[in-house]
Amino acid sequence: MKSAFLFRPALVGITVSLALAACQSAAPARQETVGTRPSAPQPAPGPQVEMAVADMSARANYATKAAGMPIIMPPPERIQLPVQDTERYGQIDTNPVQAVAQQPVSTFSIDVDTGSYANSRRFLNNGRLPPADAVRIEELVNYFDYDYALPADGKPFAVHTETVDSPWQPHAKLIKIGIKAHDLAKNQRPRANLVFLVDVSGSMNSENKLPLVKHSLRLLTEELREQDTVTIITYASGEKLVLPPTSGKNKQAILRVINELKAGGATAGEQAIQMAYKEAEKSFVKNGINRILLATDGDFNVGITDFNTLKNMVAEKRRSGISLTTLGFGTGNYNEHLMEQLADAGDGNYSYIDTRKEAKKVLQRQLSSTLVTVAQDVKIQVEFNPATVKEYRLVGYENRMLKQEDFNNDKVDAGDIGAGHSVTALYEIIPAGQAGWLEPSRYQNTPAADGSKDEYAFVKLRYKLPGKAQSLLISQPVAARSKPWSQAQTDTRFAVAVAAYGQQLRGGQYNGKMGWPDIIRLAQNSAKPDPHGLREEFVELAKIAQSLSSRKPGTAE
C-alpha cells in the first residue's frame, strides 16, 4: 500500500505530460493557402505547458520524500491554452484609378454574394475590426434591397443608372448602375432537388456552428413544397448518406434527421462534395432547381485540402447543371476564402450565417433569390467617353474583374443572378477638364478627345438564360449630366454610405474628408424605408466601427 501510494503522484505527473503532448500532436497541421492571408498570428503555448508540467513534477518529488506520510494531492489545475486564430481570407488589392485615355473600358462580373457583410458584422459585434481582406465592398452594398423598378419588357432584369456629385472627391461624380431581377412567388418556383451537405466534424462543435446550422436547415425545411426533394449527407472523418431523397411533404422525417446531427471527427470535405454531386445527379430535375447547400466552417484538414484543387473540382462539376451554394458558420478556424470561391466556381452564392436573424433572411425571406437563377454569366462592361471623362475607378468587385475580351466570350464564366436579387455597382469619375487623382504626365500630353459630349459612358450587359449557351446583350448610354448630391435618390445615398463604411474599414483611402461621423449621419438620413430593420442595424454597426477605429479619416492603411 505504501509503495503504491508513493508512486501515484508521479504517475499523475506523467499522465498529464502525456495528455498534453497528445493534445499538441493531435492538432492537424494546417496547409498555408496561396493567395490568402491569415488573421493575426497567436503565440505558441509551449512555455505555459512547460511550467504546468514542472509544477506537477515538483509536487510528485515532495510526496516521494514524505516518508510514508499520507499526502493528498490536489487535482491538477486545468490548463487554458490560447485559441489560435487561423481564419483565411483572399487577398484584395483595391481597384486603382484608371486614365480614360489609356484604359477607357472596364469589365467585371456581377456579384450577389453577401457573406462579407455578415462576417464583418460578426467581428464588430465581438469587439474587433474585421481584417481588411474580409471586407469586400460590393458584398456590403449588395446585402441591402433597393427600390429599383422590376423589368417590364420580358427580360430577366432591368438596368437603372443615376449620376450624382460625389461626396468623396472634389469635382468628381458617382455613376450608380443598378440591376433588379424579376421575382417569383413561392408557388412559382420550379421543382427543387436539394442536397444538404453538412459538416459534422469536431470543429463544428460550438454553439455558433452545428446548432446554428441545424436551426438554419429547419427554417429551409419549413419552406419546402410537396414536389421538392431533399437529400442529406454528413461528413467528418468520412461521408455518410443520412437521408435519401425525401419529399418536402414528409417534413417530419427531414427534421428528425436534422435534429439528430452531432459533431465529432476530422474534416474530409473533398470526398463529401463528390458524393453530394453524385446524389444530386440521381435526382436531377430537368428545368428545375438542382442545388447543393454546403454548410461548414470550411476547415478541411483531411484528404484533398488544396484550395485550387477543390475549386477546380467544383468548377468542373457545374457543367452538370448542378449549382453549389455555400453557407459559412463559426469563428477562429473559418476559411472564408474557400467558401466564397467555391460558391463562385459552383455557379452558386455565398452567405455567412452569424445569427438566427441572418438564417431567416437567407433561407426564408430571400429563398427564391438563394435558389432560383434567372440569368447566368452576367457581365458588365462600361466604356467611358474620353471627351467627357478623364479618370475613373470602380468601387469594389476586385476579385470579379474580367479582361475586355472576356465580355464577348461566352466560354468565360461570370456571376449568376437570382430571382428578386438587386445588384449595385458604383463608379467614381473625374469629368474632363477637372483635377483628379492622377498627376499630368510631363512627356506625354493627352490630346483633346473628339466626339459627342452628351454621354459620360456606355453600359453593356451580357447574360445567358438558364441552361442556354449563347449570351444576350443589353446596352444603354449614361447621359453627361448629374444631380447635386443633396438631390440624390434615398437608395443612392444609402448605398454610398455603405460603400464609404467599407472603404473606411479598409483604411479610408478614397473617402476624402468623409469620416465615421459623416458616414453615420448619411446612413441615418437615408435609412427609411426599412421593413426588416437592416438599415437601422447598419447604423449601429457603423457606430461600433467608429468606437473601435483609431484611424483618422482619409488616411490610407
Protein backbone atom coordinates (compact mmCIF):
# COMPACT_ATOMS: atom_id res chain seq x y z
CA MET A 1 0.00 0.00 0.00
CA LYS A 2 2.78 2.38 0.91
CA SER A 3 4.74 1.91 -2.31
CA ALA A 4 1.58 2.15 -4.41
CA PHE A 5 0.70 5.45 -2.75
CA LEU A 6 4.17 6.88 -3.25
CA PHE A 7 4.12 6.21 -6.96
CA ARG A 8 0.67 7.74 -7.51
CA PRO A 9 1.75 11.43 -7.67
CA ALA A 10 4.49 10.60 -10.14
CA LEU A 11 2.01 8.75 -12.30
CA VAL A 12 -0.28 11.79 -12.22
CA GLY A 13 2.56 13.99 -13.46
CA ILE A 14 3.44 11.52 -16.20
CA THR A 15 -0.21 11.20 -17.26
CA VAL A 16 -0.63 14.97 -17.52
CA SER A 17 2.59 15.26 -19.53
CA LEU A 18 1.49 12.55 -21.95
CA ALA A 19 -2.00 14.05 -22.29
CA LEU A 20 -0.60 17.46 -23.09
CA ALA A 21 1.81 16.03 -25.60
CA ALA A 22 -1.01 14.09 -27.21
CA CYS A 23 -3.14 17.21 -27.49
CA GLN A 24 -0.30 19.02 -29.21
CA SER A 25 0.44 16.20 -31.65
CA ALA A 26 -3.24 15.59 -32.41
CA ALA A 27 -3.86 19.09 -33.71
CA PRO A 28 -3.88 18.78 -37.51
CA ALA A 29 -1.26 20.71 -39.41
CA ARG A 30 -2.91 23.45 -41.44
CA GLN A 31 -1.82 23.98 -45.00
CA GLU A 32 -0.92 27.54 -45.91
CA THR A 33 -3.16 28.61 -48.77
CA VAL A 34 -1.59 30.52 -51.64
CA GLY A 35 -3.18 33.94 -52.11
CA THR A 36 -4.75 34.11 -48.66
CA ARG A 37 -3.84 35.97 -45.53
CA PRO A 38 -4.38 34.55 -42.04
CA SER A 39 -5.68 36.68 -39.23
CA ALA A 40 -3.15 37.94 -36.67
CA PRO A 41 -0.83 35.09 -35.52
CA GLN A 42 -1.13 33.91 -31.93
CA PRO A 43 1.72 32.95 -29.54
CA ALA A 44 2.67 29.29 -29.19
CA PRO A 45 1.52 27.60 -25.97
CA GLY A 46 4.90 25.96 -25.16
CA PRO A 47 6.04 27.94 -22.07
CA GLN A 48 2.68 27.57 -20.30
CA VAL A 49 2.69 23.82 -20.79
CA GLU A 50 6.30 23.51 -19.56
CA MET A 51 5.51 25.49 -16.38
CA ALA A 52 2.44 23.34 -15.65
CA VAL A 53 4.39 20.08 -16.08
CA ALA A 54 7.25 21.40 -13.94
CA ASP A 55 4.77 22.23 -11.19
CA MET A 56 3.38 18.68 -11.31
CA SER A 57 6.87 17.21 -11.08
CA ALA A 58 7.68 19.33 -8.05
CA ARG A 59 4.58 18.09 -6.25
CA ALA A 60 5.45 14.48 -7.07
CA ASN A 61 9.04 14.86 -5.71
CA TYR A 62 7.74 16.34 -2.49
CA ALA A 63 5.37 13.40 -2.00
CA THR A 64 8.16 10.89 -2.62
CA LYS A 65 10.26 12.44 0.17
CA ALA A 66 7.40 12.36 2.64
CA ALA A 67 8.48 9.02 4.18
CA GLY A 68 5.07 7.49 4.06
CA MET A 69 3.10 10.37 5.48
CA PRO A 70 -0.33 10.45 3.82
CA ILE A 71 -0.37 13.44 1.48
CA ILE A 72 -3.47 14.07 -0.59
CA MET A 73 -2.61 15.52 -3.97
CA PRO A 74 -4.96 18.28 -5.18
CA PRO A 75 -6.36 17.69 -8.66
CA PRO A 76 -4.16 19.21 -11.37
CA GLU A 77 -5.27 22.67 -12.44
CA ARG A 78 -6.96 22.86 -15.81
CA ILE A 79 -4.56 24.49 -18.25
CA GLN A 80 -6.18 27.06 -20.55
CA LEU A 81 -4.29 27.09 -23.83
CA PRO A 82 -4.66 30.17 -26.05
CA VAL A 83 -7.00 29.70 -29.02
CA GLN A 84 -5.18 30.03 -32.31
CA ASP A 85 -6.92 32.17 -34.92
CA THR A 86 -6.44 30.54 -38.32
CA GLU A 87 -9.12 32.26 -40.36
CA ARG A 88 -8.31 32.66 -44.06
CA TYR A 89 -9.22 35.49 -46.42
CA GLY A 90 -8.41 36.09 -50.07
CA GLN A 91 -6.07 39.00 -50.71
CA ILE A 92 -7.81 42.13 -52.01
CA ASP A 93 -5.86 44.86 -53.81
CA THR A 94 -8.08 47.92 -54.11
CA ASN A 95 -9.00 48.81 -57.70
CA PRO A 96 -6.68 51.54 -58.98
CA VAL A 97 -7.64 54.80 -60.65
CA GLN A 98 -7.64 54.48 -64.44
CA ALA A 99 -6.95 57.20 -67.01
CA VAL A 100 -9.60 57.06 -69.73
CA ALA A 101 -7.03 57.97 -72.36
CA GLN A 102 -5.12 54.75 -71.60
CA GLN A 103 -7.88 52.42 -70.32
CA PRO A 104 -11.35 53.52 -71.43
CA VAL A 105 -13.09 50.14 -70.89
CA SER A 106 -13.89 48.46 -67.56
CA THR A 107 -15.27 44.89 -67.45
CA PHE A 108 -16.40 42.82 -64.46
CA SER A 109 -18.71 40.03 -63.37
CA ILE A 110 -21.70 40.76 -61.16
CA ASP A 111 -21.67 39.52 -57.57
CA VAL A 112 -24.72 38.69 -55.49
CA ASP A 113 -22.82 37.23 -52.52
CA THR A 114 -23.45 38.87 -49.15
CA GLY A 115 -21.16 36.85 -46.87
CA SER A 116 -18.65 39.64 -46.33
CA TYR A 117 -21.28 41.89 -44.72
CA ALA A 118 -22.44 39.30 -42.17
CA ASN A 119 -18.89 38.18 -41.45
CA SER A 120 -17.73 41.78 -40.86
CA ARG A 121 -20.76 42.27 -38.61
CA ARG A 122 -19.65 39.27 -36.57
CA PHE A 123 -16.22 40.84 -35.99
CA LEU A 124 -17.73 44.18 -34.93
CA ASN A 125 -20.26 42.58 -32.59
CA ASN A 126 -17.36 40.69 -30.99
CA GLY A 127 -15.48 43.95 -30.38
CA ARG A 128 -12.95 43.70 -33.22
CA LEU A 129 -12.46 45.49 -36.52
CA PRO A 130 -12.59 42.97 -39.39
CA PRO A 131 -9.35 42.30 -41.30
CA ALA A 132 -9.15 44.50 -44.40
CA ASP A 133 -9.22 41.45 -46.67
CA ALA A 134 -12.50 40.32 -45.08
CA VAL A 135 -14.19 43.48 -46.40
CA ARG A 136 -15.49 43.18 -49.97
CA ILE A 137 -17.33 46.42 -50.59
CA GLU A 138 -19.66 45.10 -53.31
CA GLU A 139 -20.97 42.44 -50.89
CA LEU A 140 -21.66 45.10 -48.27
CA VAL A 141 -23.61 47.25 -50.74
CA ASN A 142 -25.49 44.29 -52.23
CA TYR A 143 -26.54 43.00 -48.81
CA PHE A 144 -29.41 45.50 -48.89
CA ASP A 145 -32.54 45.70 -51.01
CA TYR A 146 -33.02 48.79 -53.18
CA ASP A 147 -36.23 50.04 -54.70
CA TYR A 148 -35.26 49.51 -58.34
CA ALA A 149 -38.14 49.04 -60.75
CA LEU A 150 -38.76 45.45 -61.88
CA PRO A 151 -38.30 44.58 -65.58
CA ALA A 152 -41.35 45.32 -67.72
CA ASP A 153 -40.09 44.19 -71.14
CA GLY A 154 -39.89 40.44 -70.66
CA LYS A 155 -36.15 40.46 -69.89
CA PRO A 156 -34.92 38.76 -66.68
CA PHE A 157 -33.79 42.04 -65.16
CA ALA A 158 -33.92 45.81 -65.59
CA VAL A 159 -30.96 48.19 -65.64
CA HIS A 160 -31.02 51.61 -63.96
CA THR A 161 -28.39 54.35 -63.75
CA GLU A 162 -28.07 57.58 -61.78
CA THR A 163 -25.24 60.13 -61.77
CA VAL A 164 -24.68 62.44 -58.78
CA ASP A 165 -21.97 64.68 -57.40
CA SER A 166 -19.51 62.65 -55.33
CA PRO A 167 -19.29 63.36 -51.58
CA TRP A 168 -15.74 61.95 -51.52
CA GLN A 169 -13.61 63.71 -54.14
CA PRO A 170 -13.91 67.39 -55.18
CA HIS A 171 -15.24 67.81 -58.74
CA ALA A 172 -15.92 64.05 -59.02
CA LYS A 173 -19.18 62.33 -59.95
CA LEU A 174 -20.63 58.98 -58.92
CA ILE A 175 -22.33 56.78 -61.51
CA LYS A 176 -24.61 54.16 -59.94
CA ILE A 177 -25.57 51.13 -62.02
CA GLY A 178 -28.48 49.19 -60.52
CA ILE A 179 -29.88 45.84 -61.68
CA LYS A 180 -33.15 44.35 -60.48
CA ALA A 181 -34.15 40.76 -61.34
CA HIS A 182 -37.77 39.74 -61.66
CA ASP A 183 -39.11 37.96 -58.60
CA LEU A 184 -41.01 34.71 -58.12
CA ALA A 185 -43.67 33.81 -55.58
CA LYS A 186 -43.25 30.57 -53.63
CA ASN A 187 -45.81 28.75 -55.78
CA GLN A 188 -43.99 29.88 -58.94
CA ARG A 189 -40.65 28.34 -58.02
CA PRO A 190 -39.60 25.40 -60.19
CA ARG A 191 -39.44 21.98 -58.60
CA ALA A 192 -36.35 21.72 -56.39
CA ASN A 193 -33.81 18.91 -55.96
CA LEU A 194 -31.75 19.96 -52.94
CA VAL A 195 -28.82 18.26 -51.26
CA PHE A 196 -27.90 19.43 -47.75
CA LEU A 197 -24.18 18.72 -47.31
CA VAL A 198 -23.47 19.22 -43.61
CA ASP A 199 -20.08 19.36 -41.88
CA VAL A 200 -20.40 17.44 -38.59
CA SER A 201 -16.67 17.29 -37.80
CA GLY A 202 -15.29 18.14 -34.37
CA SER A 203 -14.52 21.71 -35.46
CA MET A 204 -18.30 22.30 -35.75
CA ASN A 205 -18.88 21.54 -32.07
CA SER A 206 -19.72 25.03 -30.83
CA GLU A 207 -22.92 26.99 -30.39
CA ASN A 208 -22.38 29.24 -33.45
CA LYS A 209 -21.69 26.28 -35.74
CA LEU A 210 -23.66 23.00 -35.83
CA PRO A 211 -26.57 24.17 -33.62
CA LEU A 212 -26.97 27.23 -35.88
CA VAL A 213 -26.67 25.00 -38.97
CA LYS A 214 -29.50 22.82 -37.68
CA HIS A 215 -31.67 25.86 -36.97
CA SER A 216 -30.98 27.19 -40.49
CA LEU A 217 -31.88 23.89 -42.16
CA ARG A 218 -35.08 23.67 -40.12
CA LEU A 219 -36.10 27.07 -41.47
CA LEU A 220 -35.43 25.97 -45.04
CA THR A 221 -37.34 22.73 -44.49
CA GLU A 222 -40.43 24.72 -43.49
CA GLU A 223 -40.38 26.34 -46.96
CA LEU A 224 -40.34 23.05 -48.90
CA ARG A 225 -43.29 22.01 -51.03
CA GLU A 226 -44.54 18.51 -51.79
CA GLN A 227 -42.83 18.47 -55.21
CA ASP A 228 -39.43 19.38 -53.72
CA THR A 229 -36.97 16.71 -52.58
CA VAL A 230 -34.16 16.85 -50.03
CA THR A 231 -31.14 14.60 -49.61
CA ILE A 232 -28.90 14.97 -46.54
CA ILE A 233 -25.22 13.97 -46.47
CA THR A 234 -22.94 14.46 -43.49
CA TYR A 235 -19.18 14.37 -43.40
CA ALA A 236 -16.47 14.28 -40.76
CA SER A 237 -13.73 11.65 -40.93
CA GLY A 238 -15.92 10.10 -43.65
CA GLU A 239 -19.06 10.94 -45.59
CA LYS A 240 -22.47 9.39 -44.95
CA LEU A 241 -25.87 9.47 -46.63
CA VAL A 242 -28.19 10.03 -43.66
CA LEU A 243 -31.35 10.86 -45.62
CA PRO A 244 -32.11 9.55 -49.12
CA PRO A 245 -34.17 11.79 -51.44
CA THR A 246 -37.29 12.70 -49.45
CA SER A 247 -40.34 14.71 -50.48
CA GLY A 248 -40.94 18.08 -48.88
CA LYS A 249 -44.31 16.65 -47.88
CA ASN A 250 -42.54 14.45 -45.32
CA LYS A 251 -41.12 17.31 -43.26
CA GLN A 252 -41.03 15.32 -40.02
CA ALA A 253 -38.64 12.75 -41.48
CA ILE A 254 -36.37 15.53 -42.70
CA LEU A 255 -36.49 17.38 -39.38
CA ARG A 256 -35.80 14.18 -37.43
CA VAL A 257 -32.52 13.67 -39.28
CA ILE A 258 -31.55 17.33 -38.87
CA ASN A 259 -32.26 17.27 -35.14
CA GLU A 260 -30.12 14.16 -34.63
CA LEU A 261 -26.95 15.65 -36.19
CA LYS A 262 -23.94 15.58 -33.83
CA ALA A 263 -20.36 16.83 -34.22
CA GLY A 264 -17.18 14.74 -33.98
CA GLY A 265 -14.15 13.70 -36.07
CA ALA A 266 -11.85 15.28 -38.65
CA THR A 267 -12.98 17.18 -41.77
CA ALA A 268 -12.71 15.28 -45.07
CA GLY A 269 -14.67 17.64 -47.31
CA GLU A 270 -13.49 16.75 -50.81
CA GLN A 271 -14.96 13.22 -50.93
CA ALA A 272 -18.19 14.53 -49.40
CA ILE A 273 -18.56 17.14 -52.16
CA GLN A 274 -18.05 14.40 -54.76
CA MET A 275 -20.75 12.31 -53.08
CA ALA A 276 -23.15 15.29 -52.96
CA TYR A 277 -22.85 15.82 -56.72
CA LYS A 278 -23.47 12.11 -57.36
CA GLU A 279 -26.62 12.13 -55.22
CA ALA A 280 -27.83 15.36 -56.86
CA GLU A 281 -27.36 13.78 -60.29
CA LYS A 282 -29.50 10.78 -59.28
CA SER A 283 -32.47 13.06 -58.54
CA PHE A 284 -31.77 15.62 -61.28
CA VAL A 285 -34.83 17.69 -62.25
CA LYS A 286 -34.86 18.91 -65.83
CA ASN A 287 -35.72 22.64 -65.97
CA GLY A 288 -35.82 22.64 -62.17
CA ILE A 289 -33.62 23.73 -59.28
CA ASN A 290 -30.68 21.38 -58.74
CA ARG A 291 -28.54 22.72 -55.92
CA ILE A 292 -26.16 21.60 -53.19
CA LEU A 293 -26.13 23.65 -49.99
CA LEU A 294 -22.80 23.20 -48.22
CA ALA A 295 -22.93 24.17 -44.52
CA THR A 296 -19.46 24.28 -42.93
CA ASP A 297 -16.70 26.39 -41.40
CA GLY A 298 -14.53 25.45 -44.40
CA ASP A 299 -11.87 23.86 -42.21
CA PHE A 300 -10.96 20.92 -44.48
CA ASN A 301 -8.00 19.10 -42.89
CA VAL A 302 -8.20 15.52 -44.20
CA GLY A 303 -7.90 14.25 -47.77
CA ILE A 304 -7.55 16.80 -50.56
CA THR A 305 -7.31 20.21 -48.87
CA ASP A 306 -5.55 22.22 -51.59
CA PHE A 307 -7.58 25.33 -52.43
CA ASN A 308 -7.10 25.25 -56.21
CA THR A 309 -7.81 21.51 -56.45
CA LEU A 310 -11.13 21.92 -54.61
CA LYS A 311 -12.10 24.97 -56.65
CA ASN A 312 -11.27 23.29 -59.98
CA MET A 313 -13.26 20.21 -58.99
CA VAL A 314 -16.36 22.32 -58.28
CA ALA A 315 -15.86 24.33 -61.49
CA GLU A 316 -15.86 21.08 -63.48
CA LYS A 317 -18.95 19.74 -61.70
CA ARG A 318 -21.06 22.82 -62.50
CA ARG A 319 -21.19 21.63 -66.12
CA SER A 320 -23.69 19.01 -64.93
CA GLY A 321 -26.26 21.75 -64.27
CA ILE A 322 -25.97 21.42 -60.51
CA SER A 323 -25.04 24.57 -58.60
CA LEU A 324 -23.29 24.89 -55.25
CA THR A 325 -24.30 27.36 -52.55
CA THR A 326 -22.04 27.76 -49.52
CA LEU A 327 -23.29 28.70 -46.06
CA GLY A 328 -20.46 29.70 -43.73
CA PHE A 329 -20.55 29.30 -39.97
CA GLY A 330 -18.29 29.90 -36.98
CA THR A 331 -15.13 31.70 -35.93
CA GLY A 332 -11.47 31.06 -35.23
CA ASN A 333 -10.76 28.49 -37.94
CA TYR A 334 -13.15 29.89 -40.54
CA ASN A 335 -11.88 29.57 -44.14
CA GLU A 336 -13.82 32.39 -45.77
CA HIS A 337 -11.63 32.45 -48.87
CA LEU A 338 -12.53 28.84 -49.69
CA MET A 339 -16.24 29.36 -49.03
CA GLU A 340 -16.52 32.42 -51.27
CA GLN A 341 -14.51 30.94 -54.12
CA LEU A 342 -16.25 27.53 -54.07
CA ALA A 343 -19.63 29.24 -54.48
CA ASP A 344 -18.21 31.36 -57.30
CA ALA A 345 -16.82 28.30 -59.09
CA GLY A 346 -20.02 26.35 -58.48
CA ASP A 347 -22.39 28.93 -60.03
CA GLY A 348 -23.94 29.46 -56.61
CA ASN A 349 -23.93 32.13 -53.95
CA TYR A 350 -22.13 32.56 -50.65
CA SER A 351 -23.71 33.64 -47.39
CA TYR A 352 -22.29 33.79 -43.88
CA ILE A 353 -24.76 32.85 -41.14
CA ASP A 354 -23.83 34.51 -37.86
CA THR A 355 -27.28 34.78 -36.27
CA ARG A 356 -30.75 33.25 -36.43
CA LYS A 357 -31.95 36.51 -37.96
CA GLU A 358 -29.48 36.08 -40.82
CA ALA A 359 -30.60 32.47 -41.33
CA LYS A 360 -34.19 33.68 -41.65
CA LYS A 361 -33.15 36.34 -44.19
CA VAL A 362 -31.19 33.95 -46.43
CA LEU A 363 -33.22 30.75 -46.14
CA GLN A 364 -36.77 32.01 -45.71
CA ARG A 365 -37.38 35.60 -46.74
CA GLN A 366 -34.97 35.52 -49.71
CA LEU A 367 -35.19 31.81 -50.51
CA SER A 368 -36.17 32.39 -54.15
CA SER A 369 -33.13 34.62 -54.61
CA THR A 370 -30.95 31.96 -52.95
CA LEU A 371 -32.27 29.03 -55.00
CA VAL A 372 -33.73 30.26 -58.32
CA THR A 373 -31.35 31.53 -61.02
CA VAL A 374 -32.96 33.84 -63.61
CA ALA A 375 -29.80 34.78 -65.54
CA GLN A 376 -26.35 33.22 -65.77
CA ASP A 377 -22.87 34.53 -66.58
CA VAL A 378 -23.90 38.17 -66.14
CA LYS A 379 -21.11 40.55 -67.18
CA ILE A 380 -20.99 44.34 -67.17
CA GLN A 381 -18.79 46.41 -69.46
CA VAL A 382 -18.56 50.19 -69.22
CA GLU A 383 -16.83 52.26 -71.89
CA PHE A 384 -16.04 55.80 -70.76
CA ASN A 385 -16.16 58.73 -73.17
CA PRO A 386 -12.74 60.48 -73.25
CA ALA A 387 -14.45 63.69 -74.37
CA THR A 388 -16.28 63.94 -71.03
CA VAL A 389 -14.43 61.69 -68.55
CA LYS A 390 -10.78 62.00 -67.56
CA GLU A 391 -10.38 59.32 -64.85
CA TYR A 392 -12.47 56.65 -63.14
CA ARG A 393 -12.35 53.96 -60.51
CA LEU A 394 -14.67 51.04 -59.78
CA VAL A 395 -15.70 50.72 -56.12
CA GLY A 396 -15.24 47.08 -55.09
CA TYR A 397 -15.53 43.97 -57.32
CA GLU A 398 -11.74 43.45 -57.11
CA ASN A 399 -11.97 39.66 -57.42
CA ARG A 400 -14.61 39.89 -60.16
CA MET A 401 -12.59 41.82 -62.74
CA LEU A 402 -12.52 40.45 -66.29
CA LYS A 403 -10.43 41.15 -69.36
CA GLN A 404 -12.01 43.34 -72.02
CA GLU A 405 -12.13 40.43 -74.47
CA ASP A 406 -13.90 38.22 -71.88
CA PHE A 407 -17.08 40.22 -72.28
CA ASN A 408 -17.98 38.72 -75.68
CA ASN A 409 -16.55 35.28 -74.91
CA ASP A 410 -19.43 33.05 -73.84
CA LYS A 411 -16.99 30.42 -72.57
CA VAL A 412 -15.81 32.77 -69.79
CA ASP A 413 -17.76 32.19 -66.57
CA ALA A 414 -19.32 35.05 -64.62
CA GLY A 415 -21.80 35.53 -61.78
CA ASP A 416 -25.44 34.45 -61.77
CA ILE A 417 -28.39 36.47 -60.52
CA GLY A 418 -31.30 35.00 -58.57
CA ALA A 419 -34.98 35.87 -58.59
CA GLY A 420 -35.62 39.21 -56.94
CA HIS A 421 -31.94 39.98 -56.48
CA SER A 422 -30.71 43.55 -56.83
CA VAL A 423 -27.11 44.32 -57.79
CA THR A 424 -25.44 47.73 -57.44
CA ALA A 425 -22.12 48.99 -58.80
CA LEU A 426 -20.56 52.42 -58.24
CA TYR A 427 -18.03 54.20 -60.43
CA GLU A 428 -16.40 57.43 -59.28
CA ILE A 429 -15.36 59.56 -62.26
CA ILE A 430 -13.43 62.79 -62.84
CA PRO A 431 -15.00 64.84 -65.65
CA ALA A 432 -12.73 66.10 -68.42
CA GLY A 433 -11.01 69.37 -67.54
CA GLN A 434 -11.14 68.80 -63.76
CA ALA A 435 -8.29 67.98 -61.39
CA GLY A 436 -8.34 64.35 -60.37
CA TRP A 437 -6.23 61.71 -58.62
CA LEU A 438 -3.52 61.42 -61.28
CA GLU A 439 -0.71 63.89 -61.90
CA PRO A 440 -0.41 65.14 -65.50
CA SER A 441 2.36 63.47 -67.49
CA ARG A 442 5.47 65.56 -68.15
CA TYR A 443 6.25 63.99 -71.52
CA GLN A 444 3.00 62.51 -72.80
CA ASN A 445 0.32 65.13 -73.09
CA THR A 446 -3.11 63.65 -73.72
CA PRO A 447 -4.61 65.09 -76.92
CA ALA A 448 -8.06 66.60 -76.66
CA ALA A 449 -10.66 63.97 -77.42
CA ASP A 450 -13.14 64.44 -80.24
CA GLY A 451 -16.66 63.14 -80.17
CA SER A 452 -20.01 63.75 -78.58
CA LYS A 453 -20.12 65.37 -75.18
CA ASP A 454 -23.65 64.19 -74.47
CA GLU A 455 -22.58 60.94 -72.74
CA TYR A 456 -20.32 60.04 -69.83
CA ALA A 457 -20.28 56.36 -70.66
CA PHE A 458 -21.92 53.46 -72.46
CA VAL A 459 -23.07 50.49 -70.34
CA LYS A 460 -23.40 46.98 -71.79
CA LEU A 461 -24.57 43.80 -70.05
CA ARG A 462 -24.31 40.25 -71.29
CA TYR A 463 -26.23 37.35 -69.77
CA LYS A 464 -27.47 33.86 -70.58
CA LEU A 465 -30.88 32.48 -69.87
CA PRO A 466 -30.61 29.42 -67.58
CA GLY A 467 -29.35 26.39 -69.48
CA LYS A 468 -28.55 28.34 -72.66
CA ALA A 469 -25.08 28.56 -74.24
CA GLN A 470 -25.42 31.82 -76.14
CA SER A 471 -25.50 35.18 -74.36
CA LEU A 472 -27.84 38.09 -74.93
CA LEU A 473 -26.97 41.79 -74.86
CA ILE A 474 -28.50 44.82 -73.14
CA SER A 475 -26.96 48.28 -73.60
CA GLN A 476 -27.72 51.89 -72.75
CA PRO A 477 -25.84 55.21 -72.52
CA VAL A 478 -25.15 57.26 -69.39
CA ALA A 479 -26.02 60.89 -70.10
CA ALA A 480 -23.41 63.56 -69.31
CA ARG A 481 -25.41 65.24 -66.61
CA SER A 482 -25.61 64.80 -62.86
CA LYS A 483 -27.67 65.77 -59.84
CA PRO A 484 -26.38 67.69 -56.85
CA TRP A 485 -25.59 65.32 -54.00
CA SER A 486 -28.49 66.73 -51.96
CA GLN A 487 -30.92 65.58 -54.67
CA ALA A 488 -29.64 62.01 -54.97
CA GLN A 489 -32.18 59.24 -54.52
CA THR A 490 -32.51 57.88 -50.99
CA ASP A 491 -31.30 54.45 -52.08
CA THR A 492 -28.27 56.01 -53.78
CA ARG A 493 -27.33 57.92 -50.64
CA PHE A 494 -27.65 54.78 -48.53
CA ALA A 495 -25.60 52.69 -50.99
CA VAL A 496 -22.87 55.35 -50.90
CA ALA A 497 -22.96 55.33 -47.08
CA VAL A 498 -22.42 51.54 -47.11
CA ALA A 499 -19.62 51.85 -49.67
CA ALA A 500 -17.96 54.57 -47.57
CA TYR A 501 -18.25 52.30 -44.49
CA GLY A 502 -16.47 49.56 -46.42
CA GLN A 503 -13.80 51.93 -47.68
CA GLN A 504 -13.24 53.20 -44.14
CA LEU A 505 -12.89 49.65 -42.79
CA ARG A 506 -10.23 49.12 -45.48
CA GLY A 507 -8.35 52.29 -44.49
CA GLY A 508 -10.39 55.16 -45.95
CA GLN A 509 -8.08 55.72 -48.92
CA TYR A 510 -10.80 57.14 -51.19
CA ASN A 511 -13.19 58.62 -48.62
CA GLY A 512 -11.64 62.06 -48.80
CA LYS A 513 -12.74 64.13 -45.80
CA MET A 514 -15.67 61.82 -45.03
CA GLY A 515 -15.10 60.22 -41.62
CA TRP A 516 -17.17 57.98 -39.36
CA PRO A 517 -19.49 60.77 -38.11
CA ASP A 518 -20.33 61.70 -41.73
CA ILE A 519 -20.92 58.05 -42.69
CA ILE A 520 -23.22 57.51 -39.70
CA ARG A 521 -25.16 60.72 -40.36
CA LEU A 522 -25.56 59.85 -44.06
CA ALA A 523 -26.84 56.37 -43.22
CA GLN A 524 -29.26 57.69 -40.60
CA ASN A 525 -30.71 60.21 -43.07
CA SER A 526 -31.28 57.54 -45.74
CA ALA A 527 -32.35 54.61 -43.54
CA LYS A 528 -36.03 54.58 -44.49
CA PRO A 529 -37.93 52.62 -45.64
CA ASP A 530 -36.52 49.76 -43.58
CA PRO A 531 -39.15 46.98 -43.24
CA HIS A 532 -36.77 44.43 -41.68
CA GLY A 533 -34.58 46.74 -39.59
CA LEU A 534 -31.42 46.04 -41.62
CA ARG A 535 -30.55 49.68 -42.24
CA GLU A 536 -31.04 50.56 -38.60
CA GLU A 537 -28.71 47.69 -37.69
CA PHE A 538 -26.15 49.05 -40.18
CA VAL A 539 -26.13 52.41 -38.41
CA GLU A 540 -25.33 50.65 -35.14
CA LEU A 541 -22.51 48.69 -36.79
CA ALA A 542 -21.03 51.92 -38.13
CA LYS A 543 -21.11 53.35 -34.61
CA ILE A 544 -19.31 50.27 -33.28
CA ALA A 545 -16.71 50.56 -36.03
CA GLN A 546 -16.19 54.21 -35.13
CA SER A 547 -15.61 53.35 -31.47
CA LEU A 548 -13.11 50.61 -32.39
CA SER A 549 -11.25 52.59 -35.02
CA SER A 550 -8.17 54.63 -34.18
CA ARG A 551 -7.50 55.72 -37.76
CA LYS A 552 -8.04 59.30 -38.83
CA PRO A 553 -10.49 59.92 -41.68
CA GLY A 554 -8.84 59.86 -45.08
CA THR A 555 -5.67 58.04 -44.07
CA ALA A 556 -4.55 55.04 -46.09
CA GLU A 557 -3.98 51.69 -44.45
